[in-house]
C-alpha cells in the first residue's frame, strides 16, 4: 500500500538579498523534508518564491513552526498551506504555448480569457519584457503550459488560437509539451 504524500506549499516575498534560497532550503532540509517543485525569482527589487515541500505530517509541522523566525531573520513575508497530491481525474494533454508581441496592457488577460472560455486550465505561466534586438521596441513574451482535455479536437483548437492571436497581432506557437 502506497502512502498518500503530504505537502506544504510555502510562498515567500520580500526585499532581495543574498542567502535567501540558502536559508529557506536549509530549514527544509534540517527538518527532513524535500523540495519537490519550486519557482523562485526576483521581480523588481523583491525576491519571490513558491515551494512545494514534501514530508511527513510531523516534519511539515516543524517547518511551519520554524517559519515565523525565518520570516523575521530574512525580512520576508512567508505564508504556508498544507496540501495533498494533485488530483488527476481529467485526462489532460500537456501543451506549451509561447506568445511574443509588442508590449501593451492586457495580453495575459486576453490569453487567459481564451483558455478559460474553453475550460482549459493554465498550469504554469511566465512572462517577461525585453527590448527588440535592432529597434529597441518594448517586447512582451509569455510562456505557458496548459492542460487540454483529451477529447478536444487539437487541430481545431490550434487553428482557432492562431486566428485569435493573428487578429490581436500576437506571434504564437501551440505545441505538445516535450519532455
Protein backbone atom coordinates (compact mmCIF):
# COMPACT_ATOMS: atom_id res chain seq x y z
CA UNK A 1 0.00 0.00 0.00
CA UNK A 2 1.45 3.38 -1.01
CA UNK A 3 1.12 6.17 1.48
CA UNK A 4 -0.53 9.42 0.49
CA UNK A 5 2.14 12.11 0.20
CA UNK A 6 1.72 15.21 2.33
CA UNK A 7 2.85 18.60 1.17
CA UNK A 8 3.32 22.13 2.36
CA UNK A 9 3.12 24.99 -0.11
CA UNK A 10 5.30 27.89 1.02
CA UNK A 11 5.28 31.34 -0.52
CA UNK A 12 7.83 33.96 0.43
CA UNK A 13 8.09 37.60 -0.62
CA UNK A 14 10.46 40.35 0.44
CA UNK A 15 13.38 42.56 -0.41
CA UNK A 16 16.01 40.64 -2.34
CA UNK A 17 19.41 39.93 -0.79
CA UNK A 18 21.98 37.13 -0.96
CA UNK A 19 21.38 33.99 1.10
CA UNK A 20 17.59 33.74 0.99
CA UNK A 21 17.46 30.50 -1.00
CA UNK A 22 20.24 29.02 1.13
CA UNK A 23 18.42 29.72 4.41
CA UNK A 24 15.00 28.63 3.13
CA UNK A 25 16.33 25.35 1.74
CA UNK A 26 18.43 24.74 4.88
CA UNK A 27 15.39 24.90 7.18
CA UNK A 28 13.53 22.49 4.90
CA UNK A 29 16.45 20.05 4.76
CA UNK A 30 17.12 20.22 8.53
CA UNK A 31 13.53 19.15 9.21
CA UNK A 32 13.89 16.08 6.98
CA UNK A 33 11.76 17.38 4.14
CA UNK A 34 12.31 17.72 0.42
CA UNK A 35 11.59 20.49 -2.09
CA UNK A 36 9.67 18.73 -4.87
CA UNK A 37 8.84 21.75 -7.00
CA UNK A 38 9.66 25.44 -6.81
CA UNK A 39 9.67 28.78 -8.58
CA UNK A 40 11.99 31.48 -7.31
CA UNK A 41 12.74 34.80 -8.97
CA UNK A 42 13.47 38.46 -8.42
CA UNK A 43 10.69 40.80 -9.54
CA UNK A 44 11.79 44.42 -9.40
CA UNK A 45 13.73 44.56 -6.14
CA UNK A 46 11.66 41.84 -4.49
CA UNK A 47 12.51 38.17 -4.09
CA UNK A 48 9.52 35.89 -4.66
CA UNK A 49 9.37 32.14 -4.09
CA UNK A 50 6.82 29.36 -4.18
CA UNK A 51 7.90 25.95 -2.97
CA UNK A 52 6.15 22.60 -2.78
CA UNK A 53 7.71 20.75 0.15
CA UNK A 54 7.09 17.05 0.73
CA UNK A 55 7.42 15.40 4.11
CA UNK A 56 5.68 13.52 6.89
CA UNK A 57 2.97 15.41 8.72
CA UNK A 58 5.19 15.93 11.78
CA UNK A 59 8.22 17.16 9.79
CA UNK A 60 5.98 19.61 7.92
CA UNK A 61 4.75 20.83 11.32
CA UNK A 62 8.36 21.52 12.31
CA UNK A 63 8.78 23.67 9.21
CA UNK A 64 5.53 25.50 9.96
CA UNK A 65 6.84 26.23 13.48
CA UNK A 66 10.20 27.45 12.14
CA UNK A 67 8.73 29.85 9.58
CA UNK A 68 7.94 32.82 11.89
CA UNK A 69 11.58 33.01 13.00
CA UNK A 70 12.81 32.57 9.43
CA UNK A 71 10.40 35.29 8.33
CA UNK A 72 11.94 37.63 10.92
CA UNK A 73 15.54 36.71 10.08
CA UNK A 74 15.13 37.11 6.33
CA UNK A 75 12.79 40.10 6.34
CA UNK A 76 10.24 38.19 4.28
CA UNK A 77 6.51 37.68 4.38
CA UNK A 78 6.03 33.91 4.42
CA UNK A 79 2.73 32.08 4.04
CA UNK A 80 2.19 28.34 4.02
CA UNK A 81 -0.65 25.93 3.43
CA UNK A 82 -0.95 22.15 3.69
CA UNK A 83 -1.99 20.33 0.55
CA UNK A 84 -2.19 16.82 -0.84
CA UNK A 85 -1.29 15.21 -4.14
CA UNK A 86 -2.75 16.76 -7.23
CA UNK A 87 -5.97 15.14 -8.41
CA UNK A 88 -5.65 13.53 -11.83
CA UNK A 89 -9.33 12.99 -12.58
CA UNK A 90 -9.40 14.51 -16.06
CA UNK A 91 -7.40 13.09 -18.93
CA UNK A 92 -5.40 16.15 -19.99
CA UNK A 93 -2.76 16.60 -22.67
CA UNK A 94 0.08 18.96 -21.72
CA UNK A 95 0.71 21.68 -24.31
CA UNK A 96 3.21 24.54 -24.36
CA UNK A 97 2.26 27.97 -25.63
CA UNK A 98 4.67 30.76 -26.48
CA UNK A 99 3.47 34.23 -27.42
CA UNK A 100 5.53 37.29 -28.35
CA UNK A 101 4.31 40.77 -29.26
CA UNK A 102 4.89 44.44 -28.80
CA UNK A 103 4.32 45.15 -25.13
CA UNK A 104 0.91 46.56 -24.23
CA UNK A 105 -1.53 46.10 -21.33
CA UNK A 106 -3.96 43.18 -21.33
CA UNK A 107 -2.04 40.44 -23.12
CA UNK A 108 -2.12 37.98 -20.20
CA UNK A 109 -5.79 38.69 -19.53
CA UNK A 110 -6.68 38.20 -23.19
CA UNK A 111 -4.87 34.86 -23.38
CA UNK A 112 -6.31 33.70 -20.05
CA UNK A 113 -9.80 34.55 -21.30
CA UNK A 114 -9.33 32.49 -24.46
CA UNK A 115 -8.42 29.37 -22.48
CA UNK A 116 -10.95 29.92 -19.66
CA UNK A 117 -13.80 30.14 -22.19
CA UNK A 118 -12.80 26.68 -23.42
CA UNK A 119 -12.39 25.13 -19.95
CA UNK A 120 -8.64 24.74 -20.49
CA UNK A 121 -6.56 25.07 -17.33
CA UNK A 122 -3.40 27.20 -17.33
CA UNK A 123 -0.97 25.16 -15.23
CA UNK A 124 2.14 27.33 -15.48
CA UNK A 125 2.71 30.84 -16.78
CA UNK A 126 5.79 33.05 -17.03
CA UNK A 127 6.13 36.44 -18.68
CA UNK A 128 8.99 38.78 -19.44
CA UNK A 129 9.69 42.05 -21.18
CA UNK A 130 12.72 42.93 -23.25
CA UNK A 131 13.91 45.35 -25.92
CA UNK A 132 13.73 44.13 -29.54
CA UNK A 133 17.19 43.40 -30.93
CA UNK A 134 17.51 46.01 -33.69
CA UNK A 135 14.80 48.56 -32.94
CA UNK A 136 14.76 48.58 -29.15
CA UNK A 137 10.95 48.36 -29.24
CA UNK A 138 9.42 47.10 -25.97
CA UNK A 139 8.51 43.44 -26.38
CA UNK A 140 6.46 41.07 -24.22
CA UNK A 141 6.86 37.29 -24.07
CA UNK A 142 4.54 34.73 -22.49
CA UNK A 143 5.32 31.06 -21.94
CA UNK A 144 2.60 28.86 -20.52
CA UNK A 145 1.71 25.24 -20.05
CA UNK A 146 -1.94 24.25 -20.36
CA UNK A 147 -3.85 21.01 -19.84
CA UNK A 148 -6.07 20.37 -22.85
CA UNK A 149 -8.88 17.81 -22.39
CA UNK A 150 -8.02 14.72 -24.46
CA UNK A 151 -11.44 14.72 -26.12
CA UNK A 152 -10.89 18.21 -27.55
CA UNK A 153 -10.04 18.45 -31.26
CA UNK A 154 -6.45 19.77 -31.12
CA UNK A 155 -6.15 20.83 -34.76
CA UNK A 156 -9.36 22.86 -34.48
CA UNK A 157 -8.21 24.44 -31.21
CA UNK A 158 -4.79 25.28 -32.71
CA UNK A 159 -6.40 26.92 -35.75
CA UNK A 160 -8.82 28.89 -33.58
CA UNK A 161 -5.98 30.01 -31.28
CA UNK A 162 -3.74 31.07 -34.18
CA UNK A 163 -6.56 33.04 -35.79
CA UNK A 164 -7.30 34.66 -32.43
CA UNK A 165 -3.65 35.65 -31.95
CA UNK A 166 -3.27 36.87 -35.54
CA UNK A 167 -6.27 39.18 -35.07
CA UNK A 168 -4.52 40.66 -31.99
CA UNK A 169 -1.10 40.87 -33.69
CA UNK A 170 0.37 38.26 -31.32
CA UNK A 171 3.00 35.86 -32.65
CA UNK A 172 2.10 32.47 -31.13
CA UNK A 173 3.04 28.80 -31.06
CA UNK A 174 0.93 25.99 -29.55
CA UNK A 175 2.64 22.59 -29.47
CA UNK A 176 2.74 19.42 -27.37
CA UNK A 177 4.91 19.77 -24.28
CA UNK A 178 8.18 17.99 -24.84
CA UNK A 179 9.97 16.12 -22.07
